């Protein structure tokens, strides 16, 4: 596969993961270019599946950039289009979807980086366990463990009564702790 074919085939996948992880279009474009420059310079003859290899480079570059910045928060709320279909929606539907995406962004941002990475690759980018394992260079059992832990933590966030994101009966959305 030529460099041009590689770029045309995988640029949207690489850009999407960079955009999701970084939350800024300009940063995603810069990192996407870096990923492809790295790929163009690399010897790809022994690589059977290029997509997981490219996505691994992208994830590693994103994590390194976020660590350098000291900002490990994913910006899912700003990219709710990754979670919703492309069907026409009313303005009310779009507003509700954005609010839901913001809630999930807050919850995902609370997860540890390793767990958040697996959860987002699995459920936002719809990758399989084996693809994530290959992408992150970890055993499939570790992917399953991190996914399970992430879902457990997210469930815990939903179950906590002090969660300000959970509406309270009667339409009152101000948090009021239980007396008792």
N, C-alpha and C. Protein backbone atom coordinates (compact mmCIF):
# COMPACT_ATOMS: atom_id res chain seq x y z
N UNK A 1 0.85 -1.17 0.00
CA UNK A 1 0.00 0.00 0.00
C UNK A 1 0.90 1.24 0.00
N UNK A 2 0.61 2.16 -0.90
CA UNK A 2 1.40 3.39 -0.98
C UNK A 2 1.03 4.32 0.18
N UNK A 3 1.88 5.32 0.39
CA UNK A 3 1.61 6.30 1.44
C UNK A 3 0.29 7.02 1.19
N UNK A 4 0.04 7.36 -0.06
CA UNK A 4 -1.20 8.05 -0.40
C UNK A 4 -2.41 7.18 -0.10
N UNK A 5 -2.34 5.91 -0.46
CA UNK A 5 -3.44 4.98 -0.19
C UNK A 5 -3.65 4.80 1.31
N UNK A 6 -2.55 4.70 2.04
CA UNK A 6 -2.62 4.57 3.49
C UNK A 6 -3.34 5.77 4.10
N UNK A 7 -2.95 6.95 3.66
CA UNK A 7 -3.56 8.18 4.17
C UNK A 7 -5.04 8.24 3.82
N UNK A 8 -5.39 7.99 2.58
CA UNK A 8 -6.78 8.08 2.14
C UNK A 8 -7.66 7.03 2.83
N UNK A 9 -7.11 5.86 3.08
CA UNK A 9 -7.88 4.78 3.68
C UNK A 9 -8.16 5.01 5.16
N UNK A 10 -7.17 5.53 5.89
CA UNK A 10 -7.27 5.57 7.35
C UNK A 10 -7.32 6.96 7.97
N UNK A 11 -7.28 8.00 7.17
CA UNK A 11 -7.21 9.35 7.74
C UNK A 11 -8.42 9.68 8.61
N UNK A 12 -9.61 9.28 8.21
CA UNK A 12 -10.79 9.62 9.02
C UNK A 12 -10.77 8.89 10.36
N UNK A 13 -10.30 7.64 10.38
CA UNK A 13 -10.21 6.89 11.64
C UNK A 13 -9.19 7.52 12.58
N UNK A 14 -8.04 7.86 12.04
CA UNK A 14 -6.98 8.45 12.86
C UNK A 14 -7.41 9.83 13.36
N UNK A 15 -7.97 10.62 12.46
CA UNK A 15 -8.41 11.96 12.85
C UNK A 15 -9.49 11.88 13.93
N UNK A 16 -10.45 10.98 13.75
CA UNK A 16 -11.56 10.87 14.70
C UNK A 16 -11.06 10.53 16.10
N UNK A 17 -10.14 9.58 16.20
CA UNK A 17 -9.66 9.22 17.53
C UNK A 17 -8.84 10.36 18.14
N UNK A 18 -8.06 11.06 17.33
CA UNK A 18 -7.31 12.22 17.83
C UNK A 18 -8.27 13.33 18.26
N UNK A 19 -9.27 13.57 17.46
CA UNK A 19 -10.25 14.62 17.76
C UNK A 19 -11.01 14.30 19.03
N UNK A 20 -11.40 13.05 19.19
CA UNK A 20 -12.13 12.64 20.39
C UNK A 20 -11.25 12.78 21.63
N UNK A 21 -10.03 12.30 21.55
CA UNK A 21 -9.18 12.31 22.73
C UNK A 21 -8.69 13.70 23.09
N UNK A 22 -8.46 14.55 22.11
CA UNK A 22 -7.90 15.88 22.38
C UNK A 22 -8.96 16.96 22.52
N UNK A 23 -10.06 16.80 21.83
CA UNK A 23 -11.14 17.76 21.95
C UNK A 23 -10.95 19.05 21.18
N UNK A 24 -9.93 19.14 20.36
CA UNK A 24 -9.66 20.35 19.59
C UNK A 24 -9.31 19.95 18.16
N UNK A 25 -9.98 20.57 17.21
CA UNK A 25 -9.76 20.22 15.80
C UNK A 25 -8.32 20.48 15.37
N UNK A 26 -7.78 21.62 15.76
CA UNK A 26 -6.42 21.97 15.34
C UNK A 26 -5.40 20.98 15.90
N UNK A 27 -5.55 20.62 17.17
CA UNK A 27 -4.65 19.64 17.77
C UNK A 27 -4.79 18.28 17.10
N UNK A 28 -6.03 17.90 16.80
CA UNK A 28 -6.27 16.61 16.15
C UNK A 28 -5.64 16.57 14.77
N UNK A 29 -5.75 17.67 14.03
CA UNK A 29 -5.13 17.73 12.70
C UNK A 29 -3.61 17.62 12.80
N UNK A 30 -3.02 18.35 13.74
CA UNK A 30 -1.57 18.29 13.92
C UNK A 30 -1.11 16.89 14.27
N UNK A 31 -1.79 16.27 15.23
CA UNK A 31 -1.40 14.93 15.64
C UNK A 31 -1.65 13.91 14.55
N UNK A 32 -2.71 14.09 13.80
CA UNK A 32 -3.01 13.19 12.68
C UNK A 32 -1.86 13.23 11.67
N UNK A 33 -1.38 14.42 11.39
CA UNK A 33 -0.24 14.56 10.47
C UNK A 33 1.00 13.87 11.04
N UNK A 34 1.24 14.05 12.33
CA UNK A 34 2.39 13.40 12.96
C UNK A 34 2.28 11.88 12.87
N UNK A 35 1.08 11.36 13.09
CA UNK A 35 0.87 9.91 13.03
C UNK A 35 1.20 9.39 11.64
N UNK A 36 0.72 10.08 10.61
CA UNK A 36 0.98 9.61 9.24
C UNK A 36 2.44 9.81 8.84
N UNK A 37 3.08 10.86 9.32
CA UNK A 37 4.51 11.01 9.05
C UNK A 37 5.29 9.85 9.67
N UNK A 38 4.92 9.49 10.89
CA UNK A 38 5.55 8.34 11.54
C UNK A 38 5.31 7.07 10.72
N UNK A 39 4.08 6.90 10.26
CA UNK A 39 3.74 5.70 9.48
C UNK A 39 4.46 5.68 8.14
N UNK A 40 4.59 6.83 7.50
CA UNK A 40 5.27 6.89 6.20
C UNK A 40 6.75 6.53 6.34
N UNK A 41 7.34 6.91 7.45
CA UNK A 41 8.78 6.66 7.67
C UNK A 41 9.05 5.24 8.15
N UNK A 42 8.03 4.57 8.66
CA UNK A 42 8.21 3.24 9.25
C UNK A 42 8.26 2.16 8.17
N UNK A 43 8.89 1.06 8.54
CA UNK A 43 8.89 -0.12 7.67
C UNK A 43 7.62 -0.91 7.98
N UNK A 44 6.67 -0.90 7.05
CA UNK A 44 5.37 -1.52 7.27
C UNK A 44 5.28 -2.93 6.71
N UNK A 45 6.37 -3.48 6.25
CA UNK A 45 6.31 -4.78 5.58
C UNK A 45 5.83 -5.90 6.50
N UNK A 46 6.14 -5.86 7.78
CA UNK A 46 5.74 -6.94 8.69
C UNK A 46 4.42 -6.70 9.38
N UNK A 47 3.73 -5.64 9.03
CA UNK A 47 2.48 -5.30 9.71
C UNK A 47 1.31 -5.84 8.89
N UNK A 48 0.57 -6.77 9.50
CA UNK A 48 -0.55 -7.39 8.80
C UNK A 48 -1.79 -6.50 8.76
N UNK A 49 -2.10 -5.89 9.88
CA UNK A 49 -3.32 -5.08 9.98
C UNK A 49 -2.91 -3.65 10.31
N UNK A 50 -3.03 -2.78 9.34
CA UNK A 50 -2.54 -1.41 9.49
C UNK A 50 -3.41 -0.53 10.39
N UNK A 51 -4.71 -0.76 10.39
CA UNK A 51 -5.59 0.11 11.17
C UNK A 51 -5.26 0.09 12.66
N UNK A 52 -5.20 -1.08 13.32
CA UNK A 52 -4.85 -1.07 14.74
C UNK A 52 -3.46 -0.48 15.00
N UNK A 53 -2.54 -0.71 14.10
CA UNK A 53 -1.19 -0.17 14.24
C UNK A 53 -1.23 1.36 14.20
N UNK A 54 -1.94 1.93 13.24
CA UNK A 54 -2.06 3.39 13.15
C UNK A 54 -2.80 3.97 14.35
N UNK A 55 -3.87 3.31 14.77
CA UNK A 55 -4.63 3.81 15.92
C UNK A 55 -3.81 3.74 17.20
N UNK A 56 -2.96 2.73 17.32
CA UNK A 56 -2.09 2.65 18.48
C UNK A 56 -1.13 3.83 18.51
N UNK A 57 -0.56 4.16 17.36
CA UNK A 57 0.32 5.32 17.27
C UNK A 57 -0.46 6.58 17.67
N UNK A 58 -1.68 6.71 17.16
CA UNK A 58 -2.50 7.88 17.45
C UNK A 58 -2.83 7.99 18.94
N UNK A 59 -3.26 6.89 19.54
CA UNK A 59 -3.60 6.91 20.97
C UNK A 59 -2.37 7.26 21.79
N UNK A 60 -1.24 6.65 21.48
CA UNK A 60 -0.01 6.95 22.23
C UNK A 60 0.38 8.42 22.10
N UNK A 61 0.29 8.96 20.90
CA UNK A 61 0.62 10.38 20.70
C UNK A 61 -0.33 11.28 21.48
N UNK A 62 -1.61 10.95 21.45
CA UNK A 62 -2.61 11.74 22.18
C UNK A 62 -2.35 11.70 23.69
N UNK A 63 -2.12 10.50 24.21
CA UNK A 63 -1.86 10.36 25.64
C UNK A 63 -0.61 11.15 26.03
N UNK A 64 0.44 11.05 25.22
CA UNK A 64 1.66 11.80 25.51
C UNK A 64 1.41 13.30 25.52
N UNK A 65 0.65 13.79 24.55
CA UNK A 65 0.35 15.22 24.49
C UNK A 65 -0.47 15.64 25.70
N UNK A 66 -1.47 14.86 26.06
CA UNK A 66 -2.30 15.20 27.21
C UNK A 66 -1.50 15.18 28.51
N UNK A 67 -0.61 14.23 28.64
CA UNK A 67 0.24 14.19 29.83
C UNK A 67 1.14 15.41 29.89
N UNK A 68 1.70 15.79 28.75
CA UNK A 68 2.56 16.99 28.72
C UNK A 68 1.77 18.22 29.14
N UNK A 69 0.56 18.29 28.74
CA UNK A 69 -0.29 19.44 29.08
C UNK A 69 -0.83 19.35 30.49
N UNK A 70 -0.84 18.16 31.05
CA UNK A 70 -1.42 17.99 32.37
C UNK A 70 -2.95 18.00 32.34
N UNK A 71 -3.50 17.78 31.18
CA UNK A 71 -4.96 17.80 31.03
C UNK A 71 -5.40 16.46 30.47
N UNK A 72 -5.91 15.60 31.34
CA UNK A 72 -6.29 14.26 30.91
C UNK A 72 -7.80 14.12 30.73
N UNK A 73 -8.50 15.23 30.61
CA UNK A 73 -9.96 15.17 30.49
C UNK A 73 -10.39 15.02 29.04
N UNK A 74 -11.17 14.00 28.76
CA UNK A 74 -11.73 13.84 27.41
C UNK A 74 -12.82 14.87 27.20
N UNK A 75 -13.01 15.29 25.97
CA UNK A 75 -13.98 16.33 25.65
C UNK A 75 -15.17 15.74 24.88
N UNK A 76 -15.73 14.69 25.41
CA UNK A 76 -16.82 14.01 24.72
C UNK A 76 -18.01 14.94 24.47
N UNK A 77 -18.31 15.80 25.39
CA UNK A 77 -19.50 16.66 25.24
C UNK A 77 -19.41 17.52 24.00
N UNK A 78 -18.23 17.94 23.63
CA UNK A 78 -18.06 18.78 22.46
C UNK A 78 -18.14 17.99 21.17
N UNK A 79 -18.19 16.67 21.30
CA UNK A 79 -18.17 15.81 20.12
C UNK A 79 -19.30 14.81 20.19
N UNK A 80 -20.47 15.26 20.57
CA UNK A 80 -21.60 14.35 20.75
C UNK A 80 -22.00 13.68 19.44
N UNK A 81 -21.56 14.23 18.31
CA UNK A 81 -21.87 13.60 17.03
C UNK A 81 -21.28 12.20 16.93
N UNK A 82 -20.29 11.88 17.76
CA UNK A 82 -19.72 10.54 17.76
C UNK A 82 -20.69 9.54 18.38
N UNK A 83 -21.59 10.02 19.21
CA UNK A 83 -22.49 9.14 19.93
C UNK A 83 -23.85 9.00 19.28
N UNK A 84 -24.23 9.94 18.44
CA UNK A 84 -25.58 9.93 17.90
C UNK A 84 -25.54 9.65 16.41
N UNK A 85 -26.66 9.18 15.90
CA UNK A 85 -26.77 8.90 14.48
C UNK A 85 -26.83 10.18 13.67
N UNK A 86 -26.87 10.01 12.36
CA UNK A 86 -26.86 11.17 11.48
C UNK A 86 -28.27 11.56 11.04
N UNK A 87 -29.29 10.91 11.61
CA UNK A 87 -30.67 11.23 11.23
C UNK A 87 -31.00 12.66 11.66
N UNK A 88 -31.93 13.26 10.93
CA UNK A 88 -32.36 14.61 11.26
C UNK A 88 -33.01 14.60 12.64
N UNK A 89 -32.67 15.59 13.45
CA UNK A 89 -33.23 15.71 14.78
C UNK A 89 -33.79 17.11 14.96
N UNK A 90 -34.79 17.20 15.81
CA UNK A 90 -35.35 18.51 16.12
C UNK A 90 -34.36 19.25 17.00
N UNK A 91 -34.47 20.57 17.11
CA UNK A 91 -33.58 21.31 18.01
C UNK A 91 -33.67 20.80 19.45
N UNK A 92 -34.87 20.42 19.88
CA UNK A 92 -35.03 19.90 21.24
C UNK A 92 -34.27 18.58 21.41
N UNK A 93 -34.36 17.72 20.39
CA UNK A 93 -33.64 16.45 20.43
C UNK A 93 -32.14 16.68 20.48
N UNK A 94 -31.66 17.61 19.67
CA UNK A 94 -30.22 17.90 19.66
C UNK A 94 -29.77 18.46 21.00
N UNK A 95 -30.58 19.34 21.61
CA UNK A 95 -30.24 19.89 22.92
C UNK A 95 -30.20 18.80 23.97
N UNK A 96 -31.20 17.93 23.96
CA UNK A 96 -31.23 16.83 24.92
C UNK A 96 -30.03 15.91 24.71
N UNK A 97 -29.72 15.61 23.46
CA UNK A 97 -28.58 14.73 23.16
C UNK A 97 -27.28 15.36 23.63
N UNK A 98 -27.15 16.68 23.45
CA UNK A 98 -25.94 17.38 23.89
C UNK A 98 -25.82 17.34 25.41
N UNK A 99 -26.95 17.52 26.10
CA UNK A 99 -26.93 17.46 27.56
C UNK A 99 -26.52 16.07 28.04
N UNK A 100 -27.06 15.05 27.40
CA UNK A 100 -26.69 13.67 27.76
C UNK A 100 -25.20 13.45 27.50
N UNK A 101 -24.72 13.93 26.36
CA UNK A 101 -23.30 13.77 26.03
C UNK A 101 -22.43 14.50 27.04
N UNK A 102 -22.86 15.67 27.50
CA UNK A 102 -22.09 16.41 28.51
C UNK A 102 -22.04 15.64 29.82
N UNK A 103 -23.17 15.03 30.19
CA UNK A 103 -23.20 14.22 31.41
C UNK A 103 -22.22 13.06 31.31
N UNK A 104 -22.24 12.38 30.15
CA UNK A 104 -21.33 11.25 29.97
C UNK A 104 -19.88 11.71 29.90
N UNK A 105 -19.64 12.87 29.32
CA UNK A 105 -18.28 13.40 29.28
C UNK A 105 -17.76 13.62 30.69
N UNK A 106 -18.61 14.17 31.55
CA UNK A 106 -18.21 14.38 32.94
C UNK A 106 -17.91 13.05 33.63
N UNK A 107 -18.75 12.07 33.38
CA UNK A 107 -18.53 10.76 34.00
C UNK A 107 -17.27 10.09 33.45
N UNK A 108 -17.11 10.11 32.14
CA UNK A 108 -15.92 9.50 31.55
C UNK A 108 -14.65 10.20 32.02
N UNK A 109 -14.72 11.51 32.19
CA UNK A 109 -13.54 12.26 32.61
C UNK A 109 -13.08 11.86 34.01
N UNK A 110 -13.98 11.32 34.80
CA UNK A 110 -13.63 10.90 36.16
C UNK A 110 -12.91 9.55 36.19
N UNK A 111 -12.98 8.81 35.10
CA UNK A 111 -12.33 7.50 35.06
C UNK A 111 -10.83 7.66 34.92
N UNK A 112 -10.06 6.72 35.50
CA UNK A 112 -8.61 6.73 35.27
C UNK A 112 -8.31 6.58 33.77
N UNK A 113 -7.20 7.15 33.32
CA UNK A 113 -6.88 7.21 31.90
C UNK A 113 -6.92 5.84 31.22
N UNK A 114 -6.32 4.83 31.82
CA UNK A 114 -6.27 3.51 31.18
C UNK A 114 -7.66 2.92 31.01
N UNK A 115 -8.49 3.11 32.00
CA UNK A 115 -9.86 2.60 31.93
C UNK A 115 -10.67 3.42 30.94
N UNK A 116 -10.52 4.74 30.99
CA UNK A 116 -11.25 5.63 30.09
C UNK A 116 -10.90 5.33 28.63
N UNK A 117 -9.63 5.06 28.37
CA UNK A 117 -9.21 4.77 27.00
C UNK A 117 -9.91 3.52 26.48
N UNK A 118 -9.95 2.47 27.28
CA UNK A 118 -10.60 1.23 26.86
C UNK A 118 -12.10 1.45 26.67
N UNK A 119 -12.74 2.11 27.62
CA UNK A 119 -14.19 2.34 27.53
C UNK A 119 -14.53 3.17 26.30
N UNK A 120 -13.75 4.20 26.04
CA UNK A 120 -14.06 5.04 24.88
C UNK A 120 -13.78 4.32 23.56
N UNK A 121 -12.71 3.55 23.50
CA UNK A 121 -12.44 2.79 22.27
C UNK A 121 -13.53 1.74 22.03
N UNK A 122 -14.01 1.15 23.10
CA UNK A 122 -15.01 0.08 22.99
C UNK A 122 -16.39 0.63 22.62
N UNK A 123 -16.82 1.68 23.31
CA UNK A 123 -18.21 2.11 23.16
C UNK A 123 -18.39 3.36 22.31
N UNK A 124 -17.40 4.19 22.19
CA UNK A 124 -17.52 5.37 21.33
C UNK A 124 -17.02 5.03 19.93
N UNK A 125 -15.89 4.34 19.85
CA UNK A 125 -15.31 4.01 18.55
C UNK A 125 -15.70 2.62 18.08
N UNK A 126 -16.44 1.87 18.91
CA UNK A 126 -17.01 0.58 18.54
C UNK A 126 -15.97 -0.44 18.09
N UNK A 127 -14.82 -0.45 18.76
CA UNK A 127 -13.80 -1.45 18.46
C UNK A 127 -14.05 -2.70 19.31
N UNK A 128 -13.65 -3.84 18.80
CA UNK A 128 -13.79 -5.09 19.52
C UNK A 128 -12.66 -5.27 20.54
N UNK A 129 -12.84 -6.26 21.40
CA UNK A 129 -11.85 -6.54 22.45
C UNK A 129 -10.48 -6.82 21.84
N UNK A 130 -10.44 -7.68 20.83
CA UNK A 130 -9.14 -8.04 20.23
C UNK A 130 -8.51 -6.84 19.53
N UNK A 131 -9.33 -5.99 18.90
CA UNK A 131 -8.78 -4.79 18.25
C UNK A 131 -8.18 -3.84 19.28
N UNK A 132 -8.87 -3.67 20.40
CA UNK A 132 -8.36 -2.79 21.46
C UNK A 132 -7.08 -3.37 22.04
N UNK A 133 -7.06 -4.68 22.25
CA UNK A 133 -5.87 -5.33 22.79
C UNK A 133 -4.67 -5.11 21.88
N UNK A 134 -4.90 -5.28 20.59
CA UNK A 134 -3.81 -5.07 19.63
C UNK A 134 -3.41 -3.61 19.58
N UNK A 135 -4.39 -2.74 19.60
CA UNK A 135 -4.15 -1.30 19.53
C UNK A 135 -3.33 -0.80 20.71
N UNK A 136 -3.68 -1.25 21.91
CA UNK A 136 -2.99 -0.78 23.12
C UNK A 136 -1.83 -1.68 23.53
N UNK A 137 -1.65 -2.78 22.79
CA UNK A 137 -0.58 -3.74 23.07
C UNK A 137 -0.69 -4.30 24.49
N UNK A 138 -1.90 -4.74 24.82
CA UNK A 138 -2.17 -5.37 26.11
C UNK A 138 -2.98 -6.64 25.84
N UNK A 139 -2.97 -7.59 26.78
CA UNK A 139 -3.73 -8.83 26.58
C UNK A 139 -5.24 -8.56 26.55
N UNK A 140 -6.00 -9.38 25.81
CA UNK A 140 -7.45 -9.21 25.77
C UNK A 140 -8.09 -9.27 27.15
N UNK A 141 -7.54 -10.08 28.03
CA UNK A 141 -8.07 -10.16 29.40
C UNK A 141 -7.95 -8.84 30.13
N UNK A 142 -6.88 -8.11 29.87
CA UNK A 142 -6.71 -6.79 30.49
C UNK A 142 -7.74 -5.81 29.93
N UNK A 143 -8.01 -5.91 28.64
CA UNK A 143 -9.04 -5.06 28.03
C UNK A 143 -10.38 -5.34 28.70
N UNK A 144 -10.72 -6.63 28.84
CA UNK A 144 -12.00 -7.00 29.46
C UNK A 144 -12.06 -6.51 30.90
N UNK A 145 -10.96 -6.65 31.61
CA UNK A 145 -10.91 -6.22 33.00
C UNK A 145 -11.11 -4.71 33.12
N UNK A 146 -10.43 -3.95 32.26
CA UNK A 146 -10.58 -2.49 32.29
C UNK A 146 -11.98 -2.07 31.86
N UNK A 147 -12.54 -2.77 30.89
CA UNK A 147 -13.90 -2.47 30.46
C UNK A 147 -14.87 -2.73 31.60
N UNK A 148 -14.72 -3.88 32.26
CA UNK A 148 -15.60 -4.23 33.38
C UNK A 148 -15.47 -3.20 34.50
N UNK A 149 -14.24 -2.85 34.83
CA UNK A 149 -14.01 -1.87 35.90
C UNK A 149 -14.61 -0.52 35.51
N UNK A 150 -14.44 -0.12 34.26
CA UNK A 150 -15.00 1.15 33.80
C UNK A 150 -16.51 1.17 33.89
N UNK A 151 -17.15 0.09 33.45
CA UNK A 151 -18.61 0.02 33.52
C UNK A 151 -19.09 0.01 34.97
N UNK A 152 -18.34 -0.69 35.82
CA UNK A 152 -18.69 -0.72 37.24
C UNK A 152 -18.58 0.68 37.85
N UNK A 153 -17.52 1.39 37.53
CA UNK A 153 -17.36 2.76 38.04
C UNK A 153 -18.45 3.68 37.51
N UNK A 154 -18.79 3.55 36.23
CA UNK A 154 -19.85 4.37 35.65
C UNK A 154 -21.20 4.06 36.30
N UNK A 155 -21.47 2.76 36.54
CA UNK A 155 -22.71 2.39 37.23
C UNK A 155 -22.74 2.99 38.62
N UNK A 156 -21.60 2.96 39.30
CA UNK A 156 -21.51 3.55 40.63
C UNK A 156 -21.82 5.04 40.62
N UNK A 157 -21.35 5.72 39.59
CA UNK A 157 -21.64 7.15 39.46
C UNK A 157 -23.14 7.38 39.26
N UNK A 158 -23.78 6.49 38.54
CA UNK A 158 -25.22 6.62 38.30
C UNK A 158 -26.03 6.30 39.55
N UNK A 159 -25.53 5.37 40.37
CA UNK A 159 -26.28 4.91 41.53
C UNK A 159 -26.15 5.81 42.75
N UNK A 160 -25.13 6.65 42.78
CA UNK A 160 -24.91 7.50 43.96
C UNK A 160 -26.00 8.56 44.05
N UNK A 161 -26.67 8.66 45.22
CA UNK A 161 -27.73 9.66 45.34
C UNK A 161 -27.21 11.09 45.31
N UNK A 162 -25.94 11.30 45.63
CA UNK A 162 -25.40 12.65 45.63
C UNK A 162 -24.97 13.09 44.24
N UNK A 163 -25.21 12.24 43.26
CA UNK A 163 -24.84 12.58 41.90
C UNK A 163 -25.70 13.74 41.42
N UNK A 164 -25.11 14.90 41.17
CA UNK A 164 -25.90 16.06 40.77
C UNK A 164 -26.49 15.92 39.37
N UNK A 165 -26.11 14.89 38.65
CA UNK A 165 -26.63 14.71 37.31
C UNK A 165 -27.94 13.93 37.30
N UNK A 166 -28.31 13.34 38.44
CA UNK A 166 -29.53 12.57 38.52
C UNK A 166 -30.68 13.48 38.95
N UNK A 167 -31.73 13.56 38.13
CA UNK A 167 -32.86 14.41 38.52
C UNK A 167 -33.52 13.90 39.79
N UNK A 168 -34.01 14.82 40.61
CA UNK A 168 -34.70 14.47 41.85
C UNK A 168 -36.20 14.56 41.61
N UNK A 169 -36.98 13.67 42.24
CA UNK A 169 -38.44 13.62 42.07
C UNK A 169 -39.06 15.00 42.21
N UNK A 170 -40.12 15.25 41.48
CA UNK A 170 -40.86 16.50 41.59
C UNK A 170 -40.29 17.64 40.76
N UNK A 171 -39.32 17.36 39.92
CA UNK A 171 -38.78 18.39 39.05
C UNK A 171 -37.75 19.29 39.71
N UNK A 172 -37.40 19.05 40.96
CA UNK A 172 -36.40 19.87 41.64
C UNK A 172 -35.03 19.27 41.35
N UNK A 173 -34.20 20.00 40.64
CA UNK A 173 -32.90 19.46 40.24
C UNK A 173 -31.77 19.91 41.14
N UNK A 174 -32.07 20.63 42.21
CA UNK A 174 -31.04 20.99 43.18
C UNK A 174 -30.78 19.80 44.07
N UNK A 175 -29.52 19.55 44.34
CA UNK A 175 -29.17 18.42 45.20
C UNK A 175 -29.55 18.74 46.64
N UNK A 176 -30.27 17.82 47.25
CA UNK A 176 -30.63 17.95 48.66
C UNK A 176 -30.31 16.62 49.32
N UNK A 177 -29.31 16.59 50.20
CA UNK A 177 -28.93 15.32 50.83
C UNK A 177 -30.07 14.76 51.67
N UNK A 178 -30.10 13.42 51.75
CA UNK A 178 -31.10 12.75 52.58
C UNK A 178 -30.88 13.11 54.03
N UNK A 179 -31.97 13.24 54.75
CA UNK A 179 -31.89 13.53 56.19
C UNK A 179 -32.14 12.22 56.92
N UNK A 180 -31.07 11.54 57.23
CA UNK A 180 -31.28 10.30 57.94
C UNK A 180 -30.22 9.38 57.75
